Amino acid sequence: MSYKILVLSLALVFIASCKEQTEQTTKIVEVEETKTTNSKGLNGTWELAGFYNYKDNVVVDSFDSASNSRQLKMYTDTKVMWSKHKPADSSEWFGYGTYSYKDNMLTEILDFGSAVMDQVIAEKKEFKFELQLHPDRFQQIELDEDGNRIYSENYVRVE
């Protein structure tokens, strides 16, 4: 009889220790996944979700992107490409170039784009934004000549 109690006790201890190990392993995996997501930086595909308007560097208005159009940005380690799809507009909107970000500032230098964007690029190739980067979303904030916030495009990670 005591032999059966001993075996049963050992089995319960073994089961309990396995459960604790599983919980610890799960927590470690969750932390590793968070680190991986954060380490991606801007790499990936992002979709425009909405906008903020600023006054005196404070958000005074926000609105979602139009339901009848989509804008996507794709970043690799050094390249950026964005595309805007608006069925009601016959003009094409896309741009391609390089980018860098440092000290919360994003700089995009466009090499070429759609016919409409090529006209913009002929006047201005370099676009600088304040960048607020989070694991699954970011805001690129347009600044005026005095460094005050004007508006932001707010993106969410698609991939």
C-alpha atoms as a PDB file:
ATOM      1  CA  MET A   1       0.000   0.000   0.000  1.00  0.00           C
ATOM      2  CA  SER A   2       2.759   2.474   0.924  1.00  0.00           C
ATOM      3  CA  TYR A   3       4.473   1.641  -2.381  1.00  0.00           C
ATOM      4  CA  LYS A   4       1.363   2.813  -4.317  1.00  0.00           C
ATOM      5  CA  ILE A   5       1.220   6.050  -2.292  1.00  0.00           C
ATOM      6  CA  LEU A   6       4.900   6.690  -3.020  1.00  0.00           C
ATOM      7  CA  VAL A   7       4.438   6.133  -6.766  1.00  0.00           C
ATOM      8  CA  LEU A   8       1.314   8.317  -6.812  1.00  0.00           C
ATOM      9  CA  SER A   9       3.127  11.080  -4.895  1.00  0.00           C
ATOM     10  CA  LEU A  10       6.089  10.984  -7.282  1.00  0.00           C
ATOM     11  CA  ALA A  11       3.735  11.128 -10.265  1.00  0.00           C
ATOM     12  CA  LEU A  12       1.977  14.202  -8.849  1.00  0.00           C
ATOM     13  CA  VAL A  13       5.309  15.945  -8.157  1.00  0.00           C
ATOM     14  CA  PHE A  14       6.463  15.165 -11.694  1.00  0.00           C
ATOM     15  CA  ILE A  15       3.235  16.519 -13.229  1.00  0.00           C
ATOM     16  CA  ALA A  16       3.390  19.678 -11.104  1.00  0.00           C
ATOM     17  CA  SER A  17       7.017  20.316 -12.071  1.00  0.00           C
ATOM     18  CA  CYS A  18       6.195  19.901 -15.773  1.00  0.00           C
ATOM     19  CA  LYS A  19       3.409  22.472 -15.516  1.00  0.00           C
ATOM     20  CA  GLU A  20       5.741  25.033 -13.906  1.00  0.00           C
ATOM     21  CA  GLN A  21       8.321  24.468 -16.649  1.00  0.00           C
ATOM     22  CA  THR A  22       5.671  24.935 -19.360  1.00  0.00           C
ATOM     23  CA  GLU A  23       4.540  28.233 -17.832  1.00  0.00           C
ATOM     24  CA  GLN A  24       8.137  29.476 -17.646  1.00  0.00           C
ATOM     25  CA  THR A  25       8.809  28.416 -21.240  1.00  0.00           C
ATOM     26  CA  THR A  26       5.652  30.216 -22.408  1.00  0.00           C
ATOM     27  CA  LYS A  27       6.734  33.428 -20.685  1.00  0.00           C
ATOM     28  CA  ILE A  28      10.210  33.215 -22.239  1.00  0.00           C
ATOM     29  CA  VAL A  29       8.727  32.673 -25.725  1.00  0.00           C
ATOM     30  CA  GLU A  30       6.388  35.682 -25.274  1.00  0.00           C
ATOM     31  CA  VAL A  31       9.343  37.900 -24.303  1.00  0.00           C
ATOM     32  CA  GLU A  32      11.381  36.622 -27.281  1.00  0.00           C
ATOM     33  CA  GLU A  33       8.491  37.348 -29.682  1.00  0.00           C
ATOM     34  CA  THR A  34       8.186  40.895 -28.313  1.00  0.00           C
ATOM     35  CA  LYS A  35      11.919  41.474 -28.757  1.00  0.00           C
ATOM     36  CA  THR A  36      11.754  40.152 -32.342  1.00  0.00           C
ATOM     37  CA  THR A  37       8.836  42.434 -33.212  1.00  0.00           C
ATOM     38  CA  ASN A  38      10.568  45.474 -31.692  1.00  0.00           C
ATOM     39  CA  SER A  39      13.851  44.721 -33.450  1.00  0.00           C
ATOM     40  CA  LYS A  40      12.205  44.898 -36.896  1.00  0.00           C
ATOM     41  CA  GLY A  41      12.160  48.677 -36.746  1.00  0.00           C
ATOM     42  CA  LEU A  42      10.495  50.005 -39.871  1.00  0.00           C
ATOM     43  CA  ASN A  43      11.168  46.856 -41.923  1.00  0.00           C
ATOM     44  CA  GLY A  44       7.910  45.466 -43.234  1.00  0.00           C
ATOM     45  CA  THR A  45       4.646  46.587 -44.786  1.00  0.00           C
ATOM     46  CA  TRP A  46       2.509  49.320 -43.261  1.00  0.00           C
ATOM     47  CA  GLU A  47      -0.953  50.656 -44.092  1.00  0.00           C
ATOM     48  CA  LEU A  48      -2.138  54.200 -43.554  1.00  0.00           C
ATOM     49  CA  ALA A  49      -4.810  54.130 -40.853  1.00  0.00           C
ATOM     50  CA  GLY A  50      -5.462  57.809 -40.218  1.00  0.00           C
ATOM     51  CA  PHE A  51      -4.201  61.320 -39.614  1.00  0.00           C
ATOM     52  CA  TYR A  52      -3.679  63.816 -36.802  1.00  0.00           C
ATOM     53  CA  ASN A  53      -3.771  67.584 -37.169  1.00  0.00           C
ATOM     54  CA  TYR A  54      -1.736  69.599 -34.659  1.00  0.00           C
ATOM     55  CA  LYS A  55      -1.989  73.088 -33.233  1.00  0.00           C
ATOM     56  CA  ASP A  56       0.726  74.295 -30.852  1.00  0.00           C
ATOM     57  CA  ASN A  57       2.213  70.755 -31.050  1.00  0.00           C
ATOM     58  CA  VAL A  58      -0.962  69.195 -29.626  1.00  0.00           C
ATOM     59  CA  VAL A  59      -3.362  66.933 -31.536  1.00  0.00           C
ATOM     60  CA  VAL A  60      -6.515  68.957 -32.214  1.00  0.00           C
ATOM     61  CA  ASP A  61      -8.189  66.708 -34.763  1.00  0.00           C
ATOM     62  CA  SER A  62      -7.925  63.112 -35.920  1.00  0.00           C
ATOM     63  CA  PHE A  63      -9.576  61.198 -38.689  1.00  0.00           C
ATOM     64  CA  ASP A  64      -9.357  57.791 -40.334  1.00  0.00           C
ATOM     65  CA  SER A  65      -8.121  57.325 -43.861  1.00  0.00           C
ATOM     66  CA  ALA A  66     -10.817  57.289 -46.514  1.00  0.00           C
ATOM     67  CA  SER A  67     -12.577  53.972 -46.921  1.00  0.00           C
ATOM     68  CA  ASN A  68     -12.396  54.278 -50.725  1.00  0.00           C
ATOM     69  CA  SER A  69      -8.588  54.506 -50.889  1.00  0.00           C
ATOM     70  CA  ARG A  70      -5.553  52.696 -49.506  1.00  0.00           C
ATOM     71  CA  GLN A  71      -1.972  53.747 -48.958  1.00  0.00           C
ATOM     72  CA  LEU A  72       0.808  51.295 -48.184  1.00  0.00           C
ATOM     73  CA  LYS A  73       4.484  51.798 -47.340  1.00  0.00           C
ATOM     74  CA  MET A  74       7.093  49.077 -47.537  1.00  0.00           C
ATOM     75  CA  TYR A  75      10.506  49.335 -45.897  1.00  0.00           C
ATOM     76  CA  THR A  76      13.549  47.096 -46.273  1.00  0.00           C
ATOM     77  CA  ASP A  77      16.845  47.783 -44.510  1.00  0.00           C
ATOM     78  CA  THR A  78      17.547  50.833 -46.718  1.00  0.00           C
ATOM     79  CA  LYS A  79      14.746  51.192 -49.284  1.00  0.00           C
ATOM     80  CA  VAL A  80      11.241  52.609 -49.099  1.00  0.00           C
ATOM     81  CA  MET A  81       8.357  52.350 -51.530  1.00  0.00           C
ATOM     82  CA  TRP A  82       4.863  53.662 -51.068  1.00  0.00           C
ATOM     83  CA  SER A  83       1.760  53.352 -53.172  1.00  0.00           C
ATOM     84  CA  LYS A  84      -1.647  54.972 -52.962  1.00  0.00           C
ATOM     85  CA  HIS A  85      -4.718  53.395 -54.511  1.00  0.00           C
ATOM     86  CA  LYS A  86      -7.671  55.681 -55.024  1.00  0.00           C
ATOM     87  CA  PRO A  87     -10.135  54.244 -57.573  1.00  0.00           C
ATOM     88  CA  ALA A  88     -11.941  57.561 -58.122  1.00  0.00           C
ATOM     89  CA  ASP A  89      -8.646  59.268 -59.109  1.00  0.00           C
ATOM     90  CA  SER A  90      -7.155  58.417 -62.506  1.00  0.00           C
ATOM     91  CA  SER A  91      -3.668  59.603 -61.510  1.00  0.00           C
ATOM     92  CA  GLU A  92      -1.195  57.127 -60.084  1.00  0.00           C
ATOM     93  CA  TRP A  93       0.570  57.769 -56.800  1.00  0.00           C
ATOM     94  CA  PHE A  94       3.750  55.947 -55.830  1.00  0.00           C
ATOM     95  CA  GLY A  95       7.312  56.710 -54.891  1.00  0.00           C
ATOM     96  CA  TYR A  96      10.574  54.803 -54.440  1.00  0.00           C
ATOM     97  CA  GLY A  97      13.851  55.690 -52.793  1.00  0.00           C
ATOM     98  CA  THR A  98      16.065  55.299 -49.757  1.00  0.00           C
ATOM     99  CA  TYR A  99      15.453  56.158 -46.137  1.00  0.00           C
ATOM    100  CA  SER A 100      17.187  56.484 -42.811  1.00  0.00           C
ATOM    101  CA  TYR A 101      16.088  57.268 -39.307  1.00  0.00           C
ATOM    102  CA  LYS A 102      18.021  58.450 -36.316  1.00  0.00           C
ATOM    103  CA  ASP A 103      17.110  60.293 -33.128  1.00  0.00           C
ATOM    104  CA  ASN A 104      13.366  60.028 -33.898  1.00  0.00           C
ATOM    105  CA  MET A 105      13.804  61.626 -37.332  1.00  0.00           C
ATOM    106  CA  LEU A 106      12.866  59.820 -40.546  1.00  0.00           C
ATOM    107  CA  THR A 107      14.433  60.986 -43.821  1.00  0.00           C
ATOM    108  CA  GLU A 108      13.161  59.652 -47.149  1.00  0.00           C
ATOM    109  CA  ILE A 109      14.992  60.513 -50.373  1.00  0.00           C
ATOM    110  CA  LEU A 110      12.875  59.590 -53.376  1.00  0.00           C
ATOM    111  CA  ASP A 111      14.565  58.535 -56.612  1.00  0.00           C
ATOM    112  CA  PHE A 112      11.457  58.296 -58.777  1.00  0.00           C
ATOM    113  CA  GLY A 113       7.713  57.888 -58.653  1.00  0.00           C
ATOM    114  CA  SER A 114       4.524  58.113 -60.631  1.00  0.00           C
ATOM    115  CA  ALA A 115       4.106  60.939 -63.140  1.00  0.00           C
ATOM    116  CA  VAL A 116       2.506  63.140 -60.477  1.00  0.00           C
ATOM    117  CA  MET A 117       5.209  62.304 -57.922  1.00  0.00           C
ATOM    118  CA  ASP A 118       8.023  62.850 -60.426  1.00  0.00           C
ATOM    119  CA  GLN A 119       6.857  66.469 -60.660  1.00  0.00           C
ATOM    120  CA  VAL A 120       7.073  66.750 -56.865  1.00  0.00           C
ATOM    121  CA  ILE A 121      10.463  65.003 -56.814  1.00  0.00           C
ATOM    122  CA  ALA A 122      11.791  67.446 -59.418  1.00  0.00           C
ATOM    123  CA  GLU A 123      11.195  70.214 -56.847  1.00  0.00           C
ATOM    124  CA  LYS A 124      11.994  68.292 -53.667  1.00  0.00           C
ATOM    125  CA  LYS A 125      13.622  64.854 -53.298  1.00  0.00           C
ATOM    126  CA  GLU A 126      14.177  64.782 -49.543  1.00  0.00           C
ATOM    127  CA  PHE A 127      11.336  64.481 -47.048  1.00  0.00           C
ATOM    128  CA  LYS A 128      11.985  64.721 -43.290  1.00  0.00           C
ATOM    129  CA  PHE A 129       9.548  63.717 -40.570  1.00  0.00           C
ATOM    130  CA  GLU A 130       9.507  63.287 -36.835  1.00  0.00           C
ATOM    131  CA  LEU A 131       9.110  59.549 -36.270  1.00  0.00           C
ATOM    132  CA  GLN A 132       7.245  57.936 -33.395  1.00  0.00           C
ATOM    133  CA  LEU A 133       7.901  54.213 -33.867  1.00  0.00           C
ATOM    134  CA  HIS A 134       6.114  51.468 -31.932  1.00  0.00           C
ATOM    135  CA  PRO A 135       6.235  47.706 -32.608  1.00  0.00           C
ATOM    136  CA  ASP A 136       3.043  47.614 -34.697  1.00  0.00           C
ATOM    137  CA  ARG A 137       2.358  51.258 -35.549  1.00  0.00           C
ATOM    138  CA  PHE A 138       4.144  54.502 -36.317  1.00  0.00           C
ATOM    139  CA  GLN A 139       3.442  58.175 -36.912  1.00  0.00           C
ATOM    140  CA  GLN A 140       5.398  60.240 -39.407  1.00  0.00           C
ATOM    141  CA  ILE A 141       4.882  63.842 -38.385  1.00  0.00           C
ATOM    142  CA  GLU A 142       5.308  66.778 -40.758  1.00  0.00           C
ATOM    143  CA  LEU A 143       7.087  69.717 -39.122  1.00  0.00           C
ATOM    144  CA  ASP A 144       7.029  73.380 -40.148  1.00  0.00           C
ATOM    145  CA  GLU A 145      10.210  75.450 -40.611  1.00  0.00           C
ATOM    146  CA  ASP A 146      10.263  76.193 -36.848  1.00  0.00           C
ATOM    147  CA  GLY A 147      10.019  72.497 -35.899  1.00  0.00           C
ATOM    148  CA  ASN A 148       6.354  72.646 -34.869  1.00  0.00           C
ATOM    149  CA  ARG A 149       4.094  69.702 -35.657  1.00  0.00           C
ATOM    150  CA  ILE A 150       1.572  70.266 -38.464  1.00  0.00           C
ATOM    151  CA  TYR A 151       0.022  66.872 -39.192  1.00  0.00           C
ATOM    152  CA  SER A 152       0.867  63.194 -39.076  1.00  0.00           C
ATOM    153  CA  GLU A 153       0.187  60.123 -41.138  1.00  0.00           C
ATOM    154  CA  ASN A 154      -0.476  57.181 -38.823  1.00  0.00           C
ATOM    155  CA  TYR A 155       0.388  53.694 -40.021  1.00  0.00           C
ATOM    156  CA  VAL A 156      -0.247  50.174 -38.703  1.00  0.00           C
ATOM    157  CA  ARG A 157       1.906  47.143 -39.458  1.00  0.00           C
ATOM    158  CA  VAL A 158       0.408  44.780 -42.025  1.00  0.00           C
ATOM    159  CA  GLU A 159       3.366  42.406 -42.163  1.00  0.00           C
END
